[in-house]
C-alpha atoms as a PDB file:
ATOM      1  CA  MET A   1      49.178 -24.493 -30.893  1.00  0.00           C
ATOM      2  CA  SER A   2      47.675 -21.003 -30.723  1.00  0.00           C
ATOM      3  CA  LYS A   3      44.289 -20.586 -29.141  1.00  0.00           C
ATOM      4  CA  THR A   4      41.252 -19.618 -31.196  1.00  0.00           C
ATOM      5  CA  ASN A   5      39.352 -16.376 -30.613  1.00  0.00           C
ATOM      6  CA  LEU A   6      36.538 -18.239 -28.850  1.00  0.00           C
ATOM      7  CA  GLU A   7      38.918 -19.981 -26.480  1.00  0.00           C
ATOM      8  CA  LYS A   8      40.831 -16.822 -25.604  1.00  0.00           C
ATOM      9  CA  ILE A   9      37.589 -14.978 -24.805  1.00  0.00           C
ATOM     10  CA  PHE A  10      36.113 -17.697 -22.588  1.00  0.00           C
ATOM     11  CA  VAL A  11      39.268 -18.712 -20.729  1.00  0.00           C
ATOM     12  CA  CYS A  12      39.972 -15.010 -20.122  1.00  0.00           C
ATOM     13  CA  GLU A  13      43.224 -14.892 -22.071  1.00  0.00           C
ATOM     14  CA  GLU A  14      42.164 -12.251 -24.583  1.00  0.00           C
ATOM     15  CA  THR A  15      44.276  -9.119 -24.041  1.00  0.00           C
ATOM     16  CA  PRO A  16      42.918  -6.713 -23.095  1.00  0.00           C
ATOM     17  CA  THR A  17      39.863  -8.400 -21.631  1.00  0.00           C
ATOM     18  CA  PRO A  18      36.764  -7.339 -23.604  1.00  0.00           C
ATOM     19  CA  ARG A  19      35.104  -4.818 -21.295  1.00  0.00           C
ATOM     20  CA  ILE A  20      31.580  -5.891 -22.331  1.00  0.00           C
ATOM     21  CA  LEU A  21      30.943  -9.479 -23.393  1.00  0.00           C
ATOM     22  CA  LEU A  22      27.518 -10.124 -24.946  1.00  0.00           C
ATOM     23  CA  LEU A  23      26.490 -13.792 -25.072  1.00  0.00           C
ATOM     24  CA  THR A  24      23.208 -14.669 -26.784  1.00  0.00           C
ATOM     25  CA  ASP A  25      21.228 -17.801 -27.510  1.00  0.00           C
ATOM     26  CA  THR A  26      17.735 -18.641 -28.762  1.00  0.00           C
ATOM     27  CA  ASN A  27      14.811 -20.859 -27.861  1.00  0.00           C
ATOM     28  CA  GLU A  28      16.433 -23.524 -30.064  1.00  0.00           C
ATOM     29  CA  VAL A  29      19.872 -23.539 -28.439  1.00  0.00           C
ATOM     30  CA  ASN A  30      21.086 -22.896 -24.880  1.00  0.00           C
ATOM     31  CA  GLY A  31      24.222 -20.824 -24.308  1.00  0.00           C
ATOM     32  CA  ARG A  32      24.307 -21.241 -20.533  1.00  0.00           C
ATOM     33  CA  GLY A  33      27.196 -23.704 -20.740  1.00  0.00           C
ATOM     34  CA  LEU A  34      29.437 -21.028 -22.257  1.00  0.00           C
ATOM     35  CA  LEU A  35      28.257 -18.564 -19.607  1.00  0.00           C
ATOM     36  CA  TYR A  36      29.401 -20.896 -16.827  1.00  0.00           C
ATOM     37  CA  THR A  37      32.670 -21.533 -18.674  1.00  0.00           C
ATOM     38  CA  VAL A  38      33.682 -17.877 -18.613  1.00  0.00           C
ATOM     39  CA  ILE A  39      32.515 -17.443 -14.997  1.00  0.00           C
ATOM     40  CA  ASN A  40      34.619 -20.434 -13.897  1.00  0.00           C
ATOM     41  CA  SER A  41      37.577 -18.851 -15.677  1.00  0.00           C
ATOM     42  CA  HIS A  42      37.078 -15.616 -13.739  1.00  0.00           C
ATOM     43  CA  LEU A  43      36.812 -17.576 -10.476  1.00  0.00           C
ATOM     44  CA  ARG A  44      40.428 -18.635 -11.027  1.00  0.00           C
ATOM     45  CA  SER A  45      41.477 -14.974 -11.216  1.00  0.00           C
ATOM     46  CA  PRO A  46      41.824 -12.445  -8.369  1.00  0.00           C
ATOM     47  CA  ALA A  47      38.613 -10.647  -9.392  1.00  0.00           C
ATOM     48  CA  ASN A  48      35.395 -10.877  -7.383  1.00  0.00           C
ATOM     49  CA  ILE A  49      32.145 -11.668  -9.201  1.00  0.00           C
ATOM     50  CA  HIS A  50      28.807  -9.887  -8.742  1.00  0.00           C
ATOM     51  CA  TYR A  51      26.082 -12.022 -10.301  1.00  0.00           C
ATOM     52  CA  LEU A  52      22.562 -10.698 -10.995  1.00  0.00           C
ATOM     53  CA  HIS A  53      20.193 -13.558 -11.853  1.00  0.00           C
ATOM     54  CA  THR A  54      16.579 -13.141 -12.978  1.00  0.00           C
ATOM     55  CA  SER A  55      15.429 -16.685 -13.797  1.00  0.00           C
ATOM     56  CA  LEU A  56      17.364 -19.434 -11.992  1.00  0.00           C
ATOM     57  CA  ARG A  57      17.983 -19.569  -8.253  1.00  0.00           C
ATOM     58  CA  ALA A  58      21.480 -19.029  -6.891  1.00  0.00           C
ATOM     59  CA  GLN A  59      21.698 -22.617  -5.594  1.00  0.00           C
ATOM     60  CA  ASP A  60      20.896 -23.928  -9.079  1.00  0.00           C
ATOM     61  CA  ILE A  61      23.639 -21.789 -10.615  1.00  0.00           C
ATOM     62  CA  ARG A  62      26.229 -22.816  -8.010  1.00  0.00           C
ATOM     63  CA  ARG A  63      25.947 -26.447  -9.138  1.00  0.00           C
ATOM     64  CA  PHE A  64      27.680 -25.514 -12.386  1.00  0.00           C
ATOM     65  CA  LEU A  65      30.463 -23.433 -10.892  1.00  0.00           C
ATOM     66  CA  LYS A  66      33.208 -26.034 -10.718  1.00  0.00           C
ATOM     67  CA  GLU A  67      35.919 -23.754  -9.375  1.00  0.00           C
ATOM     68  CA  GLU A  68      36.242 -22.842  -5.691  1.00  0.00           C
ATOM     69  CA  SER A  69      33.995 -19.794  -5.294  1.00  0.00           C
ATOM     70  CA  SER A  70      33.859 -19.332  -1.527  1.00  0.00           C
ATOM     71  CA  GLY A  71      33.794 -15.611  -0.822  1.00  0.00           C
ATOM     72  CA  LYS A  72      34.503 -14.709  -4.458  1.00  0.00           C
ATOM     73  CA  ILE A  73      31.009 -14.553  -5.842  1.00  0.00           C
ATOM     74  CA  GLU A  74      28.012 -12.585  -4.626  1.00  0.00           C
ATOM     75  CA  PHE A  75      24.520 -13.227  -5.977  1.00  0.00           C
ATOM     76  CA  TYR A  76      21.781 -10.638  -6.460  1.00  0.00           C
ATOM     77  CA  ASP A  77      18.350 -12.280  -6.504  1.00  0.00           C
ATOM     78  CA  GLY A  78      16.288 -10.600  -9.200  1.00  0.00           C
ATOM     79  CA  ALA A  79      14.029 -13.633  -9.653  1.00  0.00           C
ATOM     80  CA  SER A  80      12.145 -13.972  -6.355  1.00  0.00           C
ATOM     81  CA  ASP A  81      10.471 -10.544  -6.182  1.00  0.00           C
ATOM     82  CA  PRO A  82      11.553  -8.437  -9.188  1.00  0.00           C
ATOM     83  CA  CYS A  83       8.840  -5.770  -8.784  1.00  0.00           C
ATOM     84  CA  GLY A  84       8.437  -5.627  -5.013  1.00  0.00           C
ATOM     85  CA  TRP A  85       5.001  -7.283  -5.013  1.00  0.00           C
ATOM     86  CA  VAL A  86       5.852  -9.650  -2.161  1.00  0.00           C
ATOM     87  CA  SER A  87       7.836  -7.190  -0.050  1.00  0.00           C
ATOM     88  CA  ASP A  88       7.952  -3.409   0.077  1.00  0.00           C
ATOM     89  CA  GLN A  89      11.741  -3.714   0.227  1.00  0.00           C
ATOM     90  CA  PRO A  90      12.770  -6.625  -2.022  1.00  0.00           C
ATOM     91  CA  GLU A  91      16.379  -7.791  -2.055  1.00  0.00           C
ATOM     92  CA  VAL A  92      16.634  -6.628  -5.672  1.00  0.00           C
ATOM     93  CA  SER A  93      14.140  -4.569  -7.654  1.00  0.00           C
ATOM     94  CA  LEU A  94      14.596  -4.814 -11.406  1.00  0.00           C
ATOM     95  CA  GLN A  95      13.048  -1.373 -11.663  1.00  0.00           C
ATOM     96  CA  GLN A  96      16.204   0.114 -10.143  1.00  0.00           C
ATOM     97  CA  PRO A  97      19.063   1.306 -12.375  1.00  0.00           C
ATOM     98  CA  LEU A  98      21.734  -1.359 -12.613  1.00  0.00           C
ATOM     99  CA  GLN A  99      24.300   0.939 -10.995  1.00  0.00           C
ATOM    100  CA  GLU A 100      22.160   1.008  -7.849  1.00  0.00           C
ATOM    101  CA  ILE A 101      21.577  -2.753  -7.857  1.00  0.00           C
ATOM    102  CA  PHE A 102      25.270  -3.624  -8.056  1.00  0.00           C
ATOM    103  CA  ARG A 103      26.315  -0.840  -5.681  1.00  0.00           C
ATOM    104  CA  LEU A 104      24.344  -2.528  -2.897  1.00  0.00           C
ATOM    105  CA  GLY A 105      26.870  -5.267  -2.443  1.00  0.00           C
ATOM    106  CA  HIS A 106      30.230  -3.913  -3.490  1.00  0.00           C
ATOM    107  CA  ASN A 107      31.453  -4.091   0.119  1.00  0.00           C
ATOM    108  CA  GLY A 108      34.457  -1.919  -0.553  1.00  0.00           C
ATOM    109  CA  ASP A 109      35.118  -3.171  -4.089  1.00  0.00           C
ATOM    110  CA  GLY A 110      34.141   0.281  -5.351  1.00  0.00           C
ATOM    111  CA  SER A 111      37.435   1.652  -4.049  1.00  0.00           C
ATOM    112  CA  GLY A 112      39.049   0.641  -7.325  1.00  0.00           C
ATOM    113  CA  LYS A 113      41.678  -1.589  -5.628  1.00  0.00           C
ATOM    114  CA  ARG A 114      40.029  -4.943  -6.380  1.00  0.00           C
ATOM    115  CA  LYS A 115      38.846  -5.887  -9.860  1.00  0.00           C
ATOM    116  CA  ILE A 116      35.257  -7.038 -10.210  1.00  0.00           C
ATOM    117  CA  VAL A 117      33.304  -8.927 -12.850  1.00  0.00           C
ATOM    118  CA  MET A 118      29.587  -8.213 -13.178  1.00  0.00           C
ATOM    119  CA  VAL A 119      27.163 -10.708 -14.690  1.00  0.00           C
ATOM    120  CA  VAL A 120      23.609 -10.028 -15.845  1.00  0.00           C
ATOM    121  CA  ASP A 121      21.955 -13.415 -16.373  1.00  0.00           C
ATOM    122  CA  ARG A 122      18.918 -12.985 -18.698  1.00  0.00           C
ATOM    123  CA  LEU A 123      19.044  -9.330 -19.621  1.00  0.00           C
ATOM    124  CA  GLU A 124      15.712  -9.582 -21.441  1.00  0.00           C
ATOM    125  CA  ASP A 125      13.918  -9.853 -18.095  1.00  0.00           C
ATOM    126  CA  ILE A 126      15.218  -6.406 -17.149  1.00  0.00           C
ATOM    127  CA  THR A 127      13.920  -4.841 -20.366  1.00  0.00           C
ATOM    128  CA  HIS A 128      10.375  -5.524 -19.091  1.00  0.00           C
ATOM    129  CA  HIS A 129      10.940  -3.142 -16.183  1.00  0.00           C
ATOM    130  CA  GLN A 130      13.222  -0.406 -17.507  1.00  0.00           C
ATOM    131  CA  ASP A 131      13.283   2.095 -20.344  1.00  0.00           C
ATOM    132  CA  SER A 132      15.565   0.831 -23.104  1.00  0.00           C
ATOM    133  CA  LEU A 133      17.655   3.984 -23.416  1.00  0.00           C
ATOM    134  CA  HIS A 134      18.149   4.183 -19.660  1.00  0.00           C
ATOM    135  CA  LEU A 135      19.155   0.512 -19.593  1.00  0.00           C
ATOM    136  CA  ILE A 136      21.782   0.929 -22.317  1.00  0.00           C
ATOM    137  CA  ARG A 137      23.142   3.993 -20.542  1.00  0.00           C
ATOM    138  CA  SER A 138      23.324   2.044 -17.244  1.00  0.00           C
ATOM    139  CA  LEU A 139      25.295  -0.746 -18.919  1.00  0.00           C
ATOM    140  CA  HIS A 140      27.683   1.760 -20.474  1.00  0.00           C
ATOM    141  CA  LEU A 141      28.279   3.447 -17.097  1.00  0.00           C
ATOM    142  CA  LEU A 142      28.788   0.108 -15.335  1.00  0.00           C
ATOM    143  CA  ALA A 143      31.415  -1.036 -17.821  1.00  0.00           C
ATOM    144  CA  ALA A 144      33.259   2.277 -17.563  1.00  0.00           C
ATOM    145  CA  GLY A 145      34.144   1.750 -13.891  1.00  0.00           C
ATOM    146  CA  ASP A 146      37.882   1.816 -13.162  1.00  0.00           C
ATOM    147  CA  ASN A 147      37.726  -1.413 -11.169  1.00  0.00           C
ATOM    148  CA  VAL A 148      35.532  -3.316 -13.665  1.00  0.00           C
ATOM    149  CA  GLU A 149      37.347  -6.193 -15.307  1.00  0.00           C
ATOM    150  CA  GLN A 150      34.383  -7.292 -17.401  1.00  0.00           C
ATOM    151  CA  LEU A 151      30.616  -6.909 -17.730  1.00  0.00           C
ATOM    152  CA  ILE A 152      29.001 -10.128 -18.992  1.00  0.00           C
ATOM    153  CA  LEU A 153      25.527  -9.869 -20.523  1.00  0.00           C
ATOM    154  CA  TYR A 154      23.535 -13.031 -21.250  1.00  0.00           C
ATOM    155  CA  CYS A 155      20.239 -12.905 -23.130  1.00  0.00           C
ATOM    156  CA  GLY A 156      18.024 -14.538 -25.749  1.00  0.00           C
ATOM    157  CA  ARG A 157      18.360 -12.711 -29.043  1.00  0.00           C
ATOM    158  CA  ASP A 158      14.993 -14.000 -30.292  1.00  0.00           C
ATOM    159  CA  VAL A 159      13.088 -12.381 -27.413  1.00  0.00           C
ATOM    160  CA  MET A 160      15.042  -9.146 -27.008  1.00  0.00           C
ATOM    161  CA  PRO A 161      13.603  -6.004 -28.628  1.00  0.00           C
ATOM    162  CA  GLU A 162      15.453  -5.555 -31.904  1.00  0.00           C
ATOM    163  CA  SER A 163      16.532  -1.995 -31.168  1.00  0.00           C
ATOM    164  CA  VAL A 164      17.915  -3.012 -27.758  1.00  0.00           C
ATOM    165  CA  LEU A 165      19.814  -5.980 -29.201  1.00  0.00           C
ATOM    166  CA  SER A 166      21.270  -3.719 -31.878  1.00  0.00           C
ATOM    167  CA  ALA A 167      22.450  -1.205 -29.293  1.00  0.00           C
ATOM    168  CA  LEU A 168      23.938  -4.004 -27.173  1.00  0.00           C
ATOM    169  CA  CYS A 169      25.928  -5.294 -30.139  1.00  0.00           C
ATOM    170  CA  HIS A 170      27.143  -1.761 -30.757  1.00  0.00           C
ATOM    171  CA  ILE A 171      28.467  -1.127 -27.231  1.00  0.00           C
ATOM    172  CA  SER A 172      29.917  -4.627 -26.674  1.00  0.00           C
ATOM    173  CA  SER A 173      33.615  -5.355 -27.156  1.00  0.00           C
ATOM    174  CA  ALA A 174      32.909  -9.025 -27.868  1.00  0.00           C
ATOM    175  CA  VAL A 175      29.669 -10.517 -29.177  1.00  0.00           C
ATOM    176  CA  VAL A 176      29.091 -14.275 -29.220  1.00  0.00           C
ATOM    177  CA  HIS A 177      25.926 -15.688 -30.773  1.00  0.00           C
ATOM    178  CA  VAL A 178      25.423 -19.401 -30.021  1.00  0.00           C
ATOM    179  CA  LEU A 179      23.864 -21.024 -33.081  1.00  0.00           C
ATOM    180  CA  PRO A 180      21.407 -23.936 -33.373  1.00  0.00           C
ATOM    181  CA  SER A 181      23.783 -26.121 -35.363  1.00  0.00           C
ATOM    182  CA  SER A 182      25.343 -29.566 -35.220  1.00  0.00           C
ATOM    183  CA  PRO A 183      28.093 -29.669 -34.103  1.00  0.00           C
ATOM    184  CA  CYS A 184      27.706 -26.737 -31.725  1.00  0.00           C
ATOM    185  CA  SER A 185      28.950 -23.492 -33.183  1.00  0.00           C
ATOM    186  CA  CYS A 186      28.864 -19.778 -32.615  1.00  0.00           C
ATOM    187  CA  GLN A 187      29.379 -16.602 -34.530  1.00  0.00           C
ATOM    188  CA  LEU A 188      31.615 -14.097 -32.781  1.00  0.00           C
ATOM    189  CA  ILE A 189      32.672 -10.517 -33.289  1.00  0.00           C
ATOM    190  CA  LEU A 190      35.705  -9.196 -31.427  1.00  0.00           C
ATOM    191  CA  LYS A 191      36.464  -5.481 -31.472  1.00  0.00           C
ATOM    192  CA  LYS A 192      40.126  -4.729 -30.799  1.00  0.00           C
ATOM    193  CA  PRO A 193      41.319  -1.448 -29.203  1.00  0.00           C
ATOM    194  CA  SER A 194      43.097  -0.773 -32.519  1.00  0.00           C
ATOM    195  CA  ARG A 195      39.589  -0.694 -34.092  1.00  0.00           C
ATOM    196  CA  LYS A 196      40.301  -3.914 -35.928  1.00  0.00           C
ATOM    197  CA  ILE A 197      37.191  -6.110 -36.023  1.00  0.00           C
ATOM    198  CA  ILE A 198      37.540  -9.887 -36.071  1.00  0.00           C
ATOM    199  CA  LYS A 199      34.582 -11.976 -37.245  1.00  0.00           C
ATOM    200  CA  ALA A 200      34.612 -15.754 -36.968  1.00  0.00           C
ATOM    201  CA  HIS A 201      32.319 -18.764 -37.112  1.00  0.00           C
ATOM    202  CA  GLU A 202      33.740 -21.492 -34.862  1.00  0.00           C
ATOM    203  CA  GLU A 203      32.636 -24.954 -33.819  1.00  0.00           C
ATOM    204  CA  PHE A 204      33.174 -26.237 -30.279  1.00  0.00           C
ATOM    205  CA  SER A 205      32.080 -28.676 -27.607  1.00  0.00           C
ATOM    206  CA  LEU A 206      32.017 -28.622 -23.807  1.00  0.00           C
ATOM    207  CA  ASN A 207      33.116 -31.521 -21.619  1.00  0.00           C
ATOM    208  CA  GLU A 208      31.490 -32.475 -18.309  1.00  0.00           C
ATOM    209  CA  ASN A 209      33.646 -29.907 -16.501  1.00  0.00           C
ATOM    210  CA  LEU A 210      32.476 -27.170 -18.872  1.00  0.00           C
ATOM    211  CA  HIS A 211      35.883 -26.866 -20.497  1.00  0.00           C
ATOM    212  CA  LEU A 212      35.995 -25.887 -24.163  1.00  0.00           C
ATOM    213  CA  GLN A 213      37.339 -28.480 -26.556  1.00  0.00           C
ATOM    214  CA  ASP A 214      37.330 -29.469 -30.247  1.00  0.00           C
ATOM    215  CA  ILE A 215      37.385 -25.807 -31.296  1.00  0.00           C
ATOM    216  CA  GLN A 216      37.850 -25.180 -34.996  1.00  0.00           C
ATOM    217  CA  GLN A 217      36.690 -22.922 -37.773  1.00  0.00           C
ATOM    218  CA  SER A 218      33.241 -23.941 -38.927  1.00  0.00           C
ATOM    219  CA  LYS A 219      33.178 -25.954 -42.133  1.00  0.00           C
ATOM    220  CA  SER A 220      29.694 -24.730 -42.924  1.00  0.00           C
ATOM    221  CA  LYS A 221      29.548 -22.126 -45.691  1.00  0.00           C
ATOM    222  CA  GLU A 222      26.262 -20.803 -44.352  1.00  0.00           C
ATOM    223  CA  VAL A 223      26.307 -18.424 -41.398  1.00  0.00           C
ATOM    224  CA  PRO A 224      22.794 -18.584 -39.884  1.00  0.00           C
ATOM    225  CA  CYS A 225      23.154 -15.377 -37.893  1.00  0.00           C
ATOM    226  CA  SER A 226      24.491 -12.129 -39.306  1.00  0.00           C
ATOM    227  CA  ASP A 227      25.255  -8.928 -37.421  1.00  0.00           C
ATOM    228  CA  GLU A 228      25.747  -6.681 -40.439  1.00  0.00           C
ATOM    229  CA  ASN A 229      22.201  -5.340 -40.265  1.00  0.00           C
ATOM    230  CA  LEU A 230      22.337  -5.220 -36.465  1.00  0.00           C
ATOM    231  CA  ASP A 231      25.513  -3.128 -36.589  1.00  0.00           C
ATOM    232  CA  SER A 232      24.033  -0.550 -38.952  1.00  0.00           C
ATOM    233  CA  VAL A 233      20.789  -0.281 -36.999  1.00  0.00           C
ATOM    234  CA  ALA A 234      22.761  -0.146 -33.750  1.00  0.00           C
ATOM    235  CA  ILE A 235      24.597   2.989 -34.799  1.00  0.00           C
ATOM    236  CA  LEU A 236      21.316   4.711 -35.526  1.00  0.00           C
ATOM    237  CA  ALA A 237      19.648   3.379 -32.386  1.00  0.00           C
ATOM    238  CA  SER A 238      22.475   4.604 -30.185  1.00  0.00           C
ATOM    239  CA  GLN A 239      22.359   8.108 -31.642  1.00  0.00           C
ATOM    240  CA  THR A 240      18.625   8.819 -31.610  1.00  0.00           C
ATOM    241  CA  THR A 241      15.706   8.758 -29.206  1.00  0.00           C
ATOM    242  CA  PHE A 242      13.266   8.016 -32.026  1.00  0.00           C
ATOM    243  CA  ASN A 243      11.683   4.605 -32.534  1.00  0.00           C
ATOM    244  CA  LEU A 244      13.069   3.331 -35.838  1.00  0.00           C
ATOM    245  CA  THR A 245      10.361   0.684 -36.317  1.00  0.00           C
ATOM    246  CA  LEU A 246       6.628   0.895 -37.062  1.00  0.00           C
ATOM    247  CA  THR A 247       3.756  -0.970 -35.462  1.00  0.00           C
ATOM    248  CA  ASP A 248       1.231  -2.726 -37.719  1.00  0.00           C
ATOM    249  CA  ASP A 249      -1.300   0.085 -37.214  1.00  0.00           C
ATOM    250  CA  GLN A 250       1.319   2.721 -38.016  1.00  0.00           C
ATOM    251  CA  ARG A 251       2.353   0.842 -41.161  1.00  0.00           C
ATOM    252  CA  ILE A 252      -1.291   0.640 -42.365  1.00  0.00           C
ATOM    253  CA  ALA A 253      -1.823   4.348 -41.683  1.00  0.00           C
ATOM    254  CA  LYS A 254       1.391   5.159 -43.573  1.00  0.00           C
ATOM    255  CA  ASN A 255       0.292   3.127 -46.608  1.00  0.00           C
ATOM    256  CA  ASN A 256      -3.145   4.768 -46.619  1.00  0.00           C
ATOM    257  CA  LEU A 257      -1.808   8.314 -46.390  1.00  0.00           C
ATOM    258  CA  LEU A 258      -2.436  10.367 -49.539  1.00  0.00           C
ATOM    259  CA  LEU A 259       0.527  12.487 -50.468  1.00  0.00           C
ATOM    260  CA  PRO A 260       0.381  15.532 -52.765  1.00  0.00           C
ATOM    261  CA  HIS A 261       0.118  14.675 -56.484  1.00  0.00           C
ATOM    262  CA  THR A 262      -1.084  11.134 -55.777  1.00  0.00           C
ATOM    263  CA  ARG A 263      -3.399   9.674 -58.439  1.00  0.00           C
ATOM    264  CA  VAL A 264      -6.660   8.350 -56.950  1.00  0.00           C
ATOM    265  CA  GLN A 265      -9.266   6.255 -58.815  1.00  0.00           C
ATOM    266  CA  SER A 266     -12.848   7.360 -57.992  1.00  0.00           C
ATOM    267  CA  HIS A 267     -16.001   6.156 -59.844  1.00  0.00           C
ATOM    268  CA  GLY A 268     -14.063   5.515 -62.995  1.00  0.00           C
ATOM    269  CA  ASP A 269     -12.406   8.918 -63.043  1.00  0.00           C
ATOM    270  CA  THR A 270      -8.784   9.597 -62.188  1.00  0.00           C
ATOM    271  CA  LEU A 271      -8.415  12.376 -59.667  1.00  0.00           C
ATOM    272  CA  LEU A 272      -5.202  14.140 -58.842  1.00  0.00           C
ATOM    273  CA  HIS A 273      -4.812  14.721 -55.113  1.00  0.00           C
ATOM    274  CA  THR A 274      -2.858  17.907 -54.577  1.00  0.00           C
ATOM    275  CA  GLY A 275      -2.886  18.041 -50.801  1.00  0.00           C
ATOM    276  CA  MET A 276      -4.561  20.766 -48.758  1.00  0.00           C
ATOM    277  CA  GLY A 277      -6.544  23.516 -50.424  1.00  0.00           C
END
């Protein structure tokens, strides 16, 4: 029986491996189980893993890594002192570009001989400390490394800035949105090197060993999460430095702005505003 798209992505059998994998969840549903599934799959491969975590402690994450990981995984603690308030020289400062954070512990992996997998666990925490455009550029440069097998980005799509999430969807080779549904399901987008785009809505479950099972096409006709708008906004967001959204104050000012030849009611008389002059 052929594997589904979801299974091939998370057991690392998709060829070629999606260079950037974006995994998102929301406050209503937790996607961490799928995150650990793909990491365990990489632990069975020759690649080394560099894991930047910003919320959980390394010892809490290790409890869910079922595969032997001795010497294969290196953690970067971005949770203890992300801004350098406790120490002048924190282990990891989230204000640093991601290339500098991951370069600290490559230990020779940068030679290009050994494949590496980089994980950013809760990307939204980094957006609080870095300019959005610089962050997207850092992610693009990281994924372009010759020795990079995969860059895995995990975040909450309901707390990420919309423009950043759009840009992330645009640069990612595979996007998986975990949905708050019963049974568990996700919407995925897989971009093939041939430029073919595969979209699917698949149901799944995870056993106690975090192995995927019961995977099938969703029977639901409703797809709660759509990327069509995100894709179109992403293209614009990736090509401009302008902010494509308005604040409430900016929207009020825009609505109150009188344009030339605008009819204005004043004391019962209709005036024609013709602009300056």
